[in-house]
């Protein structure tokens, strides 16, 4: 939930896809599924940026096939990091050429610039 900041890759997050697989808790992976209501009272103020290949938010369908599931579970358990992608580099995610960190900085500056500026003193 929250505000999806495009571009958003296809796929589904591991937590949503694997939440009904009982063996995962034994591996230290607690998949709770989708968050009903998103981020609660902060939902409309929460931005979500998802990069291609990030298993947390955009795993390709084949990542959860029986043949690939052991590798996917190893990755999710910390055996090899593929999620969250390095947000400083535009080859993983970018909006008009800006990597996620620059997009977020510009969003924050815009938010501050548009805030009320009461007189002091």
PDB file of N, CA and C in Angstrom:
ATOM      1  N   UNK A   1       0.845  -1.175   0.000  1.00  0.00           N
ATOM      2  CA  UNK A   1       0.000   0.000   0.000  1.00  0.00           C
ATOM      3  C   UNK A   1       0.890   1.237   0.000  1.00  0.00           C
ATOM      4  N   UNK A   2       0.429   2.318   0.536  1.00  0.00           N
ATOM      5  CA  UNK A   2       1.203   3.548   0.465  1.00  0.00           C
ATOM      6  C   UNK A   2       1.117   4.125  -0.936  1.00  0.00           C
ATOM      7  N   UNK A   3       1.989   5.076  -1.223  1.00  0.00           N
ATOM      8  CA  UNK A   3       2.047   5.703  -2.535  1.00  0.00           C
ATOM      9  C   UNK A   3       3.091   4.989  -3.381  1.00  0.00           C
ATOM     10  N   UNK A   4       2.647   4.313  -4.406  1.00  0.00           N
ATOM     11  CA  UNK A   4       3.551   3.611  -5.304  1.00  0.00           C
ATOM     12  C   UNK A   4       4.216   4.639  -6.206  1.00  0.00           C
ATOM     13  N   UNK A   5       5.544   4.723  -6.139  1.00  0.00           N
ATOM     14  CA  UNK A   5       6.279   5.684  -6.947  1.00  0.00           C
ATOM     15  C   UNK A   5       6.792   4.966  -8.197  1.00  0.00           C
ATOM     16  N   UNK A   6       6.241   5.312  -9.369  1.00  0.00           N
ATOM     17  CA  UNK A   6       6.657   4.629 -10.589  1.00  0.00           C
ATOM     18  C   UNK A   6       8.058   5.061 -11.027  1.00  0.00           C
ATOM     19  N   UNK A   7       8.724   4.242 -11.813  1.00  0.00           N
ATOM     20  CA  UNK A   7       8.221   3.020 -12.420  1.00  0.00           C
ATOM     21  C   UNK A   7       8.266   1.851 -11.451  1.00  0.00           C
ATOM     22  N   UNK A   8       7.267   1.006 -11.525  1.00  0.00           N
ATOM     23  CA  UNK A   8       7.193  -0.171 -10.662  1.00  0.00           C
ATOM     24  C   UNK A   8       7.299  -1.422 -11.522  1.00  0.00           C
ATOM     25  N   UNK A   9       8.249  -2.284 -11.207  1.00  0.00           N
ATOM     26  CA  UNK A   9       8.423  -3.493 -12.002  1.00  0.00           C
ATOM     27  C   UNK A   9       7.304  -4.494 -11.753  1.00  0.00           C
ATOM     28  N   UNK A  10       7.105  -5.425 -12.683  1.00  0.00           N
ATOM     29  CA  UNK A  10       6.111  -6.473 -12.449  1.00  0.00           C
ATOM     30  C   UNK A  10       6.619  -7.446 -11.391  1.00  0.00           C
ATOM     31  N   UNK A  11       5.742  -8.250 -10.887  1.00  0.00           N
ATOM     32  CA  UNK A  11       6.106  -9.250  -9.890  1.00  0.00           C
ATOM     33  C   UNK A  11       5.366  -9.011  -8.592  1.00  0.00           C
ATOM     34  N   UNK A  12       5.622  -9.883  -7.648  1.00  0.00           N
ATOM     35  CA  UNK A  12       4.951  -9.793  -6.357  1.00  0.00           C
ATOM     36  C   UNK A  12       5.982 -10.049  -5.272  1.00  0.00           C
ATOM     37  N   UNK A  13       5.783  -9.443  -4.140  1.00  0.00           N
ATOM     38  CA  UNK A  13       6.719  -9.603  -3.042  1.00  0.00           C
ATOM     39  C   UNK A  13       6.679 -10.986  -2.420  1.00  0.00           C
ATOM     40  N   UNK A  14       7.816 -11.406  -1.917  1.00  0.00           N
ATOM     41  CA  UNK A  14       7.933 -12.721  -1.291  1.00  0.00           C
ATOM     42  C   UNK A  14       6.978 -12.866  -0.116  1.00  0.00           C
ATOM     43  N   UNK A  15       6.805 -11.815   0.656  1.00  0.00           N
ATOM     44  CA  UNK A  15       5.947 -11.902   1.827  1.00  0.00           C
ATOM     45  C   UNK A  15       4.501 -12.200   1.442  1.00  0.00           C
ATOM     46  N   UNK A  16       4.058 -11.678   0.333  1.00  0.00           N
ATOM     47  CA  UNK A  16       2.699 -11.936  -0.145  1.00  0.00           C
ATOM     48  C   UNK A  16       2.611 -13.339  -0.737  1.00  0.00           C
ATOM     49  N   UNK A  17       3.573 -13.697  -1.557  1.00  0.00           N
ATOM     50  CA  UNK A  17       3.549 -14.978  -2.258  1.00  0.00           C
ATOM     51  C   UNK A  17       3.754 -16.166  -1.326  1.00  0.00           C
ATOM     52  N   UNK A  18       4.631 -16.024  -0.345  1.00  0.00           N
ATOM     53  CA  UNK A  18       5.023 -17.160   0.496  1.00  0.00           C
ATOM     54  C   UNK A  18       4.373 -17.190   1.877  1.00  0.00           C
ATOM     55  N   UNK A  19       3.398 -16.344   2.138  1.00  0.00           N
ATOM     56  CA  UNK A  19       2.874 -16.252   3.505  1.00  0.00           C
ATOM     57  C   UNK A  19       2.199 -17.529   4.003  1.00  0.00           C
ATOM     58  N   UNK A  20       1.820 -18.439   3.116  1.00  0.00           N
ATOM     59  CA  UNK A  20       1.162 -19.676   3.551  1.00  0.00           C
ATOM     60  C   UNK A  20       2.091 -20.889   3.549  1.00  0.00           C
ATOM     61  N   UNK A  21       3.383 -20.696   3.374  1.00  0.00           N
ATOM     62  CA  UNK A  21       4.337 -21.811   3.365  1.00  0.00           C
ATOM     63  C   UNK A  21       4.815 -22.035   4.798  1.00  0.00           C
ATOM     64  N   UNK A  22       4.356 -23.123   5.462  1.00  0.00           N
ATOM     65  CA  UNK A  22       4.619 -23.302   6.892  1.00  0.00           C
ATOM     66  C   UNK A  22       6.079 -23.543   7.258  1.00  0.00           C
ATOM     67  N   UNK A  23       6.882 -24.093   6.387  1.00  0.00           N
ATOM     68  CA  UNK A  23       8.266 -24.433   6.721  1.00  0.00           C
ATOM     69  C   UNK A  23       9.149 -23.192   6.901  1.00  0.00           C
ATOM     70  N   UNK A  24       8.713 -22.055   6.421  1.00  0.00           N
ATOM     71  CA  UNK A  24       9.549 -20.861   6.455  1.00  0.00           C
ATOM     72  C   UNK A  24       9.864 -20.368   7.857  1.00  0.00           C
ATOM     73  N   UNK A  25       8.918 -20.485   8.777  1.00  0.00           N
ATOM     74  CA  UNK A  25       9.187 -20.001  10.135  1.00  0.00           C
ATOM     75  C   UNK A  25      10.338 -20.769  10.769  1.00  0.00           C
ATOM     76  N   UNK A  26      10.520 -22.033  10.405  1.00  0.00           N
ATOM     77  CA  UNK A  26      11.646 -22.817  10.901  1.00  0.00           C
ATOM     78  C   UNK A  26      12.980 -22.316  10.374  1.00  0.00           C
ATOM     79  N   UNK A  27      12.948 -21.579   9.273  1.00  0.00           N
ATOM     80  CA  UNK A  27      14.160 -20.994   8.700  1.00  0.00           C
ATOM     81  C   UNK A  27      14.382 -19.569   9.194  1.00  0.00           C
ATOM     82  N   UNK A  28      13.511 -19.120  10.099  1.00  0.00           N
ATOM     83  CA  UNK A  28      13.629 -17.758  10.601  1.00  0.00           C
ATOM     84  C   UNK A  28      12.962 -16.723   9.720  1.00  0.00           C
ATOM     85  N   UNK A  29      12.166 -17.178   8.773  1.00  0.00           N
ATOM     86  CA  UNK A  29      11.460 -16.270   7.871  1.00  0.00           C
ATOM     87  C   UNK A  29       9.988 -16.236   8.257  1.00  0.00           C
ATOM     88  N   UNK A  30       9.525 -15.131   8.749  1.00  0.00           N
ATOM     89  CA  UNK A  30       8.113 -15.011   9.101  1.00  0.00           C
ATOM     90  C   UNK A  30       7.425 -14.162   8.043  1.00  0.00           C
ATOM     91  N   UNK A  31       6.716 -14.825   7.184  1.00  0.00           N
ATOM     92  CA  UNK A  31       5.999 -14.160   6.103  1.00  0.00           C
ATOM     93  C   UNK A  31       4.560 -13.952   6.549  1.00  0.00           C
ATOM     94  N   UNK A  32       4.159 -12.709   6.681  1.00  0.00           N
ATOM     95  CA  UNK A  32       2.827 -12.416   7.194  1.00  0.00           C
ATOM     96  C   UNK A  32       1.828 -12.061   6.102  1.00  0.00           C
ATOM     97  N   UNK A  33       2.274 -11.976   4.877  1.00  0.00           N
ATOM     98  CA  UNK A  33       1.355 -11.645   3.798  1.00  0.00           C
ATOM     99  C   UNK A  33       1.165 -10.148   3.650  1.00  0.00           C
ATOM    100  N   UNK A  34       0.139  -9.795   2.899  1.00  0.00           N
ATOM    101  CA  UNK A  34      -0.155  -8.380   2.661  1.00  0.00           C
ATOM    102  C   UNK A  34      -0.543  -7.693   3.960  1.00  0.00           C
ATOM    103  N   UNK A  35      -0.328  -6.404   4.014  1.00  0.00           N
ATOM    104  CA  UNK A  35      -0.698  -5.614   5.189  1.00  0.00           C
ATOM    105  C   UNK A  35      -2.079  -5.004   4.961  1.00  0.00           C
ATOM    106  N   UNK A  36      -3.127  -5.592   5.547  1.00  0.00           N
ATOM    107  CA  UNK A  36      -4.446  -4.966   5.398  1.00  0.00           C
ATOM    108  C   UNK A  36      -4.400  -3.546   5.957  1.00  0.00           C
ATOM    109  N   UNK A  37      -4.844  -2.599   5.178  1.00  0.00           N
ATOM    110  CA  UNK A  37      -4.816  -1.211   5.626  1.00  0.00           C
ATOM    111  C   UNK A  37      -3.479  -0.539   5.380  1.00  0.00           C
ATOM    112  N   UNK A  38      -2.547  -1.253   4.754  1.00  0.00           N
ATOM    113  CA  UNK A  38      -1.261  -0.643   4.423  1.00  0.00           C
ATOM    114  C   UNK A  38      -0.474  -0.215   5.643  1.00  0.00           C
ATOM    115  N   UNK A  39      -0.142   1.051   5.714  1.00  0.00           N
ATOM    116  CA  UNK A  39       0.661   1.597   6.802  1.00  0.00           C
ATOM    117  C   UNK A  39      -0.198   2.369   7.803  1.00  0.00           C
ATOM    118  N   UNK A  40      -1.484   2.009   7.872  1.00  0.00           N
ATOM    119  CA  UNK A  40      -2.377   2.635   8.843  1.00  0.00           C
ATOM    120  C   UNK A  40      -2.535   4.123   8.595  1.00  0.00           C
ATOM    121  N   UNK A  41      -2.456   4.908   9.667  1.00  0.00           N
ATOM    122  CA  UNK A  41      -2.656   6.354   9.575  1.00  0.00           C
ATOM    123  C   UNK A  41      -1.607   7.027   8.689  1.00  0.00           C
ATOM    124  N   UNK A  42      -0.469   6.379   8.498  1.00  0.00           N
ATOM    125  CA  UNK A  42       0.596   6.961   7.673  1.00  0.00           C
ATOM    126  C   UNK A  42       0.536   6.516   6.211  1.00  0.00           C
ATOM    127  N   UNK A  43      -0.467   5.727   5.844  1.00  0.00           N
ATOM    128  CA  UNK A  43      -0.525   5.158   4.503  1.00  0.00           C
ATOM    129  C   UNK A  43      -0.416   6.211   3.409  1.00  0.00           C
ATOM    130  N   UNK A  44      -1.154   7.288   3.506  1.00  0.00           N
ATOM    131  CA  UNK A  44      -1.128   8.314   2.458  1.00  0.00           C
ATOM    132  C   UNK A  44       0.158   9.136   2.482  1.00  0.00           C
ATOM    133  N   UNK A  45       0.957   8.976   3.525  1.00  0.00           N
ATOM    134  CA  UNK A  45       2.220   9.718   3.643  1.00  0.00           C
ATOM    135  C   UNK A  45       3.444   8.827   3.435  1.00  0.00           C
ATOM    136  N   UNK A  46       3.209   7.585   3.050  1.00  0.00           N
ATOM    137  CA  UNK A  46       4.299   6.621   2.885  1.00  0.00           C
ATOM    138  C   UNK A  46       4.545   6.365   1.405  1.00  0.00           C
ATOM    139  N   UNK A  47       5.781   6.574   0.970  1.00  0.00           N
ATOM    140  CA  UNK A  47       6.163   6.315  -0.418  1.00  0.00           C
ATOM    141  C   UNK A  47       6.838   4.960  -0.509  1.00  0.00           C
ATOM    142  N   UNK A  48       6.479   4.211  -1.536  1.00  0.00           N
ATOM    143  CA  UNK A  48       7.098   2.907  -1.773  1.00  0.00           C
ATOM    144  C   UNK A  48       7.792   2.917  -3.122  1.00  0.00           C
ATOM    145  N   UNK A  49       9.083   2.598  -3.094  1.00  0.00           N
ATOM    146  CA  UNK A  49       9.889   2.510  -4.304  1.00  0.00           C
ATOM    147  C   UNK A  49      10.369   1.072  -4.419  1.00  0.00           C
ATOM    148  N   UNK A  50      10.118   0.458  -5.553  1.00  0.00           N
ATOM    149  CA  UNK A  50      10.487  -0.941  -5.761  1.00  0.00           C
ATOM    150  C   UNK A  50      11.333  -1.064  -7.023  1.00  0.00           C
ATOM    151  N   UNK A  51      12.461  -1.763  -6.915  1.00  0.00           N
ATOM    152  CA  UNK A  51      13.373  -1.935  -8.046  1.00  0.00           C
ATOM    153  C   UNK A  51      13.222  -3.315  -8.673  1.00  0.00           C
ATOM    154  N   UNK A  52      13.517  -3.397  -9.945  1.00  0.00           N
ATOM    155  CA  UNK A  52      13.488  -4.659 -10.678  1.00  0.00           C
ATOM    156  C   UNK A  52      14.352  -5.701  -9.972  1.00  0.00           C
ATOM    157  N   UNK A  53      13.802  -6.894  -9.754  1.00  0.00           N
ATOM    158  CA  UNK A  53      14.563  -7.985  -9.153  1.00  0.00           C
ATOM    159  C   UNK A  53      14.608  -7.990  -7.645  1.00  0.00           C
ATOM    160  N   UNK A  54      13.959  -7.042  -6.994  1.00  0.00           N
ATOM    161  CA  UNK A  54      13.935  -6.988  -5.532  1.00  0.00           C
ATOM    162  C   UNK A  54      12.921  -8.016  -5.039  1.00  0.00           C
ATOM    163  N   UNK A  55      13.388  -9.074  -4.388  1.00  0.00           N
ATOM    164  CA  UNK A  55      12.486 -10.145  -3.946  1.00  0.00           C
ATOM    165  C   UNK A  55      11.480  -9.677  -2.908  1.00  0.00           C
ATOM    166  N   UNK A  56      11.765  -8.601  -2.220  1.00  0.00           N
ATOM    167  CA  UNK A  56      10.851  -8.108  -1.196  1.00  0.00           C
ATOM    168  C   UNK A  56       9.583  -7.532  -1.818  1.00  0.00           C
ATOM    169  N   UNK A  57       9.696  -6.926  -2.990  1.00  0.00           N
ATOM    170  CA  UNK A  57       8.517  -6.279  -3.566  1.00  0.00           C
ATOM    171  C   UNK A  57       8.207  -6.674  -5.005  1.00  0.00           C
ATOM    172  N   UNK A  58       9.149  -7.250  -5.727  1.00  0.00           N
ATOM    173  CA  UNK A  58       8.910  -7.518  -7.149  1.00  0.00           C
ATOM    174  C   UNK A  58       9.601  -8.787  -7.629  1.00  0.00           C
ATOM    175  N   UNK A  59       9.390  -9.847  -6.911  1.00  0.00           N
ATOM    176  CA  UNK A  59      10.001 -11.110  -7.326  1.00  0.00           C
ATOM    177  C   UNK A  59       9.331 -11.603  -8.598  1.00  0.00           C
ATOM    178  N   UNK A  60      10.121 -12.060  -9.553  1.00  0.00           N
ATOM    179  CA  UNK A  60       9.503 -12.633 -10.747  1.00  0.00           C
ATOM    180  C   UNK A  60       8.776 -13.922 -10.382  1.00  0.00           C
ATOM    181  N   UNK A  61       7.716 -14.231 -11.101  1.00  0.00           N
ATOM    182  CA  UNK A  61       6.899 -15.416 -10.810  1.00  0.00           C
ATOM    183  C   UNK A  61       7.744 -16.677 -10.719  1.00  0.00           C
ATOM    184  N   UNK A  62       8.757 -16.804 -11.588  1.00  0.00           N
ATOM    185  CA  UNK A  62       9.580 -18.015 -11.597  1.00  0.00           C
ATOM    186  C   UNK A  62      10.429 -18.176 -10.338  1.00  0.00           C
ATOM    187  N   UNK A  63      10.604 -17.125  -9.555  1.00  0.00           N
ATOM    188  CA  UNK A  63      11.384 -17.235  -8.314  1.00  0.00           C
ATOM    189  C   UNK A  63      10.728 -18.191  -7.325  1.00  0.00           C
ATOM    190  N   UNK A  64       9.417 -18.375  -7.442  1.00  0.00           N
ATOM    191  CA  UNK A  64       8.685 -19.208  -6.490  1.00  0.00           C
ATOM    192  C   UNK A  64       8.259 -20.549  -7.080  1.00  0.00           C
ATOM    193  N   UNK A  65       8.824 -20.904  -8.235  1.00  0.00           N
ATOM    194  CA  UNK A  65       8.537 -22.223  -8.800  1.00  0.00           C
ATOM    195  C   UNK A  65       9.259 -23.270  -7.958  1.00  0.00           C
ATOM    196  N   UNK A  66       8.765 -24.510  -7.928  1.00  0.00           N
ATOM    197  CA  UNK A  66       9.427 -25.550  -7.120  1.00  0.00           C
ATOM    198  C   UNK A  66      10.917 -25.701  -7.429  1.00  0.00           C
ATOM    199  N   UNK A  67      11.308 -25.552  -8.680  1.00  0.00           N
ATOM    200  CA  UNK A  67      12.722 -25.707  -9.045  1.00  0.00           C
ATOM    201  C   UNK A  67      13.594 -24.580  -8.495  1.00  0.00           C
ATOM    202  N   UNK A  68      13.044 -23.372  -8.418  1.00  0.00           N
ATOM    203  CA  UNK A  68      13.825 -22.212  -7.979  1.00  0.00           C
ATOM    204  C   UNK A  68      13.632 -21.858  -6.512  1.00  0.00           C
ATOM    205  N   UNK A  69      12.649 -22.461  -5.857  1.00  0.00           N
ATOM    206  CA  UNK A  69      12.320 -22.087  -4.483  1.00  0.00           C
ATOM    207  C   UNK A  69      13.495 -22.233  -3.510  1.00  0.00           C
ATOM    208  N   UNK A  70      14.307 -23.297  -3.562  1.00  0.00           N
ATOM    209  CA  UNK A  70      15.441 -23.370  -2.625  1.00  0.00           C
ATOM    210  C   UNK A  70      16.401 -22.181  -2.746  1.00  0.00           C
ATOM    211  N   UNK A  71      16.702 -21.762  -3.957  1.00  0.00           N
ATOM    212  CA  UNK A  71      17.585 -20.611  -4.157  1.00  0.00           C
ATOM    213  C   UNK A  71      16.929 -19.339  -3.649  1.00  0.00           C
ATOM    214  N   UNK A  72      15.644 -19.179  -3.923  1.00  0.00           N
ATOM    215  CA  UNK A  72      14.918 -18.004  -3.456  1.00  0.00           C
ATOM    216  C   UNK A  72      14.903 -17.953  -1.936  1.00  0.00           C
ATOM    217  N   UNK A  73      14.620 -19.074  -1.285  1.00  0.00           N
ATOM    218  CA  UNK A  73      14.593 -19.107   0.183  1.00  0.00           C
ATOM    219  C   UNK A  73      15.970 -18.822   0.767  1.00  0.00           C
ATOM    220  N   UNK A  74      17.022 -19.339   0.143  1.00  0.00           N
ATOM    221  CA  UNK A  74      18.385 -19.059   0.593  1.00  0.00           C
ATOM    222  C   UNK A  74      18.685 -17.566   0.499  1.00  0.00           C
ATOM    223  N   UNK A  75      18.258 -16.961  -0.581  1.00  0.00           N
ATOM    224  CA  UNK A  75      18.457 -15.525  -0.757  1.00  0.00           C
ATOM    225  C   UNK A  75      17.704 -14.743   0.311  1.00  0.00           C
ATOM    226  N   UNK A  76      16.443 -15.096   0.540  1.00  0.00           N
ATOM    227  CA  UNK A  76      15.639 -14.397   1.542  1.00  0.00           C
ATOM    228  C   UNK A  76      16.191 -14.580   2.947  1.00  0.00           C
ATOM    229  N   UNK A  77      16.809 -15.730   3.207  1.00  0.00           N
ATOM    230  CA  UNK A  77      17.366 -16.003   4.535  1.00  0.00           C
ATOM    231  C   UNK A  77      18.733 -15.343   4.727  1.00  0.00           C
ATOM    232  N   UNK A  78      19.219 -14.653   3.711  1.00  0.00           N
ATOM    233  CA  UNK A  78      20.474 -13.925   3.857  1.00  0.00           C
ATOM    234  C   UNK A  78      21.663 -14.584   3.214  1.00  0.00           C
ATOM    235  N   UNK A  79      21.441 -15.674   2.483  1.00  0.00           N
ATOM    236  CA  UNK A  79      22.547 -16.351   1.826  1.00  0.00           C
ATOM    237  C   UNK A  79      23.159 -15.541   0.703  1.00  0.00           C
ATOM    238  N   UNK A  80      22.368 -14.703   0.076  1.00  0.00           N
ATOM    239  CA  UNK A  80      22.850 -13.855  -1.016  1.00  0.00           C
ATOM    240  C   UNK A  80      21.889 -12.676  -1.107  1.00  0.00           C
ATOM    241  N   UNK A  81      22.392 -11.505  -1.109  1.00  0.00           N
ATOM    242  CA  UNK A  81      21.538 -10.323  -1.086  1.00  0.00           C
ATOM    243  C   UNK A  81      21.127  -9.895  -2.490  1.00  0.00           C
ATOM    244  N   UNK A  82      19.806  -9.860  -2.730  1.00  0.00           N
ATOM    245  CA  UNK A  82      19.298  -9.271  -3.970  1.00  0.00           C
ATOM    246  C   UNK A  82      18.199  -8.271  -3.676  1.00  0.00           C
ATOM    247  N   UNK A  83      17.875  -8.060  -2.474  1.00  0.00           N
ATOM    248  CA  UNK A  83      16.842  -7.090  -2.190  1.00  0.00           C
ATOM    249  C   UNK A  83      17.365  -6.159  -1.176  1.00  0.00           C
ATOM    250  N   UNK A  84      16.766  -5.187  -0.818  1.00  0.00           N
ATOM    251  CA  UNK A  84      16.486  -4.005  -1.616  1.00  0.00           C
ATOM    252  C   UNK A  84      17.698  -3.587  -2.446  1.00  0.00           C
ATOM    253  N   UNK A  85      17.452  -3.317  -3.683  1.00  0.00           N
ATOM    254  CA  UNK A  85      18.525  -2.954  -4.607  1.00  0.00           C
ATOM    255  C   UNK A  85      19.215  -1.671  -4.164  1.00  0.00           C
ATOM    256  N   UNK A  86      20.435  -1.488  -4.616  1.00  0.00           N
ATOM    257  CA  UNK A  86      21.187  -0.283  -4.271  1.00  0.00           C
ATOM    258  C   UNK A  86      20.478   0.911  -4.891  1.00  0.00           C
ATOM    259  N   UNK A  87      19.811   1.676  -4.055  1.00  0.00           N
ATOM    260  CA  UNK A  87      18.950   2.757  -4.529  1.00  0.00           C
ATOM    261  C   UNK A  87      19.716   3.988  -4.997  1.00  0.00           C
ATOM    262  N   UNK A  88      21.032   3.985  -4.862  1.00  0.00           N
ATOM    263  CA  UNK A  88      21.816   5.139  -5.305  1.00  0.00           C
ATOM    264  C   UNK A  88      22.091   5.110  -6.801  1.00  0.00           C
ATOM    265  N   UNK A  89      21.850   3.987  -7.436  1.00  0.00           N
ATOM    266  CA  UNK A  89      22.218   3.830  -8.838  1.00  0.00           C
ATOM    267  C   UNK A  89      20.980   3.737  -9.724  1.00  0.00           C
ATOM    268  N   UNK A  90      20.899   4.568 -10.770  1.00  0.00           N
ATOM    269  CA  UNK A  90      19.699   4.602 -11.603  1.00  0.00           C
ATOM    270  C   UNK A  90      19.460   3.358 -12.446  1.00  0.00           C
ATOM    271  N   UNK A  91      20.434   2.440 -12.544  1.00  0.00           N
ATOM    272  CA  UNK A  91      20.167   1.251 -13.351  1.00  0.00           C
ATOM    273  C   UNK A  91      19.185   0.305 -12.676  1.00  0.00           C
ATOM    274  N   UNK A  92      18.989   0.422 -11.359  1.00  0.00           N
ATOM    275  CA  UNK A  92      18.021  -0.428 -10.665  1.00  0.00           C
ATOM    276  C   UNK A  92      16.639   0.218 -10.628  1.00  0.00           C
ATOM    277  N   UNK A  93      16.578   1.506 -10.343  1.00  0.00           N
ATOM    278  CA  UNK A  93      15.316   2.251 -10.321  1.00  0.00           C
ATOM    279  C   UNK A  93      15.651   3.696 -10.607  1.00  0.00           C
ATOM    280  N   UNK A  94      14.843   4.325 -11.441  1.00  0.00           N
ATOM    281  CA  UNK A  94      15.001   5.766 -11.626  1.00  0.00           C
ATOM    282  C   UNK A  94      13.700   6.353 -12.124  1.00  0.00           C
ATOM    283  N   UNK A  95      13.527   7.606 -11.797  1.00  0.00           N
ATOM    284  CA  UNK A  95      12.389   8.378 -12.274  1.00  0.00           C
ATOM    285  C   UNK A  95      12.979   9.605 -12.956  1.00  0.00           C
ATOM    286  N   UNK A  96      12.815   9.683 -14.249  1.00  0.00           N
ATOM    287  CA  UNK A  96      13.412  10.762 -15.044  1.00  0.00           C
ATOM    288  C   UNK A  96      14.912  10.874 -14.802  1.00  0.00           C
ATOM    289  N   UNK A  97      15.587   9.728 -14.690  1.00  0.00           N
ATOM    290  CA  UNK A  97      17.031   9.700 -14.511  1.00  0.00           C
ATOM    291  C   UNK A  97      17.515   9.841 -13.080  1.00  0.00           C
ATOM    292  N   UNK A  98      16.609  10.098 -12.152  1.00  0.00           N
ATOM    293  CA  UNK A  98      17.002  10.253 -10.746  1.00  0.00           C
ATOM    294  C   UNK A  98      16.937   8.915 -10.022  1.00  0.00           C
ATOM    295  N   UNK A  99      18.023   8.493  -9.342  1.00  0.00           N
ATOM    296  CA  UNK A  99      17.927   7.298  -8.505  1.00  0.00           C
ATOM    297  C   UNK A  99      17.013   7.579  -7.319  1.00  0.00           C
ATOM    298  N   UNK A 100      16.627   6.541  -6.623  1.00  0.00           N
ATOM    299  CA  UNK A 100      15.664   6.668  -5.523  1.00  0.00           C
ATOM    300  C   UNK A 100      16.103   7.667  -4.458  1.00  0.00           C
ATOM    301  N   UNK A 101      17.393   7.692  -4.135  1.00  0.00           N
ATOM    302  CA  UNK A 101      17.851   8.626  -3.095  1.00  0.00           C
ATOM    303  C   UNK A 101      17.662  10.068  -3.536  1.00  0.00           C
ATOM    304  N   UNK A 102      17.964  10.379  -4.799  1.00  0.00           N
ATOM    305  CA  UNK A 102      17.794  11.748  -5.293  1.00  0.00           C
ATOM    306  C   UNK A 102      16.318  12.094  -5.399  1.00  0.00           C
ATOM    307  N   UNK A 103      15.488  11.140  -5.865  1.00  0.00           N
ATOM    308  CA  UNK A 103      14.045  11.383  -5.936  1.00  0.00           C
ATOM    309  C   UNK A 103      13.511  11.721  -4.548  1.00  0.00           C
ATOM    310  N   UNK A 104      13.931  10.948  -3.536  1.00  0.00           N
ATOM    311  CA  UNK A 104      13.460  11.163  -2.164  1.00  0.00           C
ATOM    312  C   UNK A 104      13.927  12.510  -1.629  1.00  0.00           C
ATOM    313  N   UNK A 105      15.173  12.875  -1.892  1.00  0.00           N
ATOM    314  CA  UNK A 105      15.685  14.174  -1.451  1.00  0.00           C
ATOM    315  C   UNK A 105      14.886  15.307  -2.086  1.00  0.00           C
ATOM    316  N   UNK A 106      14.623  15.210  -3.388  1.00  0.00           N
ATOM    317  CA  UNK A 106      13.827  16.239  -4.063  1.00  0.00           C
ATOM    318  C   UNK A 106      12.402  16.287  -3.526  1.00  0.00           C
ATOM    319  N   UNK A 107      11.820  15.134  -3.248  1.00  0.00           N
ATOM    320  CA  UNK A 107      10.471  15.077  -2.668  1.00  0.00           C
ATOM    321  C   UNK A 107      10.457  15.783  -1.310  1.00  0.00           C
ATOM    322  N   UNK A 108      11.468  15.522  -0.476  1.00  0.00           N
ATOM    323  CA  UNK A 108      11.540  16.145   0.851  1.00  0.00           C
ATOM    324  C   UNK A 108      11.735  17.658   0.733  1.00  0.00           C
ATOM    325  N   UNK A 109      12.606  18.103  -0.169  1.00  0.00           N
ATOM    326  CA  UNK A 109      12.802  19.547  -0.375  1.00  0.00           C
ATOM    327  C   UNK A 109      11.500  20.207  -0.800  1.00  0.00           C
ATOM    328  N   UNK A 110      10.776  19.581  -1.717  1.00  0.00           N
ATOM    329  CA  UNK A 110       9.505  20.121  -2.188  1.00  0.00           C
ATOM    330  C   UNK A 110       8.487  20.201  -1.050  1.00  0.00           C
ATOM    331  N   UNK A 111       8.453  19.176  -0.220  1.00  0.00           N
ATOM    332  CA  UNK A 111       7.546  19.157   0.928  1.00  0.00           C
ATOM    333  C   UNK A 111       7.858  20.311   1.884  1.00  0.00           C
ATOM    334  N   UNK A 112       9.135  20.525   2.149  1.00  0.00           N
ATOM    335  CA  UNK A 112       9.560  21.608   3.049  1.00  0.00           C
ATOM    336  C   UNK A 112       9.271  22.964   2.422  1.00  0.00           C
ATOM    337  N   UNK A 113       9.567  23.117   1.131  1.00  0.00           N
ATOM    338  CA  UNK A 113       9.327  24.395   0.452  1.00  0.00           C
ATOM    339  C   UNK A 113       7.853  24.778   0.458  1.00  0.00           C
ATOM    340  N   UNK A 114       6.966  23.780   0.396  1.00  0.00           N
ATOM    341  CA  UNK A 114       5.525  24.051   0.365  1.00  0.00           C
ATOM    342  C   UNK A 114       4.902  24.165   1.758  1.00  0.00           C
ATOM    343  N   UNK A 115       5.694  23.916   2.795  1.00  0.00           N
ATOM    344  CA  UNK A 115       5.173  23.999   4.168  1.00  0.00           C
ATOM    345  C   UNK A 115       4.941  25.462   4.542  1.00  0.00           C
ATOM    346  N   UNK A 116       4.016  25.701   5.469  1.00  0.00           N
ATOM    347  CA  UNK A 116       3.802  27.078   5.930  1.00  0.00           C
ATOM    348  C   UNK A 116       5.087  27.642   6.549  1.00  0.00           C
ATOM    349  N   UNK A 117       5.328  28.909   6.330  1.00  0.00           N
ATOM    350  CA  UNK A 117       6.493  29.590   6.897  1.00  0.00           C
ATOM    351  C   UNK A 117       5.999  30.731   7.790  1.00  0.00           C
ATOM    352  N   UNK A 118       5.630  30.417   9.030  1.00  0.00           N
ATOM    353  CA  UNK A 118       5.114  31.471   9.914  1.00  0.00           C
ATOM    354  C   UNK A 118       6.210  32.470  10.290  1.00  0.00           C
ATOM    355  N   UNK A 119       5.783  33.697  10.550  1.00  0.00           N
ATOM    356  CA  UNK A 119       6.731  34.725  10.989  1.00  0.00           C
ATOM    357  C   UNK A 119       7.192  34.398  12.397  1.00  0.00           C
ATOM    358  N   UNK A 120       8.433  34.710  12.684  1.00  0.00           N
ATOM    359  CA  UNK A 120       8.994  34.493  14.020  1.00  0.00           C
ATOM    360  C   UNK A 120       9.288  35.844  14.650  1.00  0.00           C
ATOM    361  N   UNK A 121       9.078  35.890  15.956  1.00  0.00           N
ATOM    362  CA  UNK A 121       9.493  37.066  16.708  1.00  0.00           C
ATOM    363  C   UNK A 121       8.522  38.105  16.764  1.00  0.00           C
TER     364      UNK A 121
END
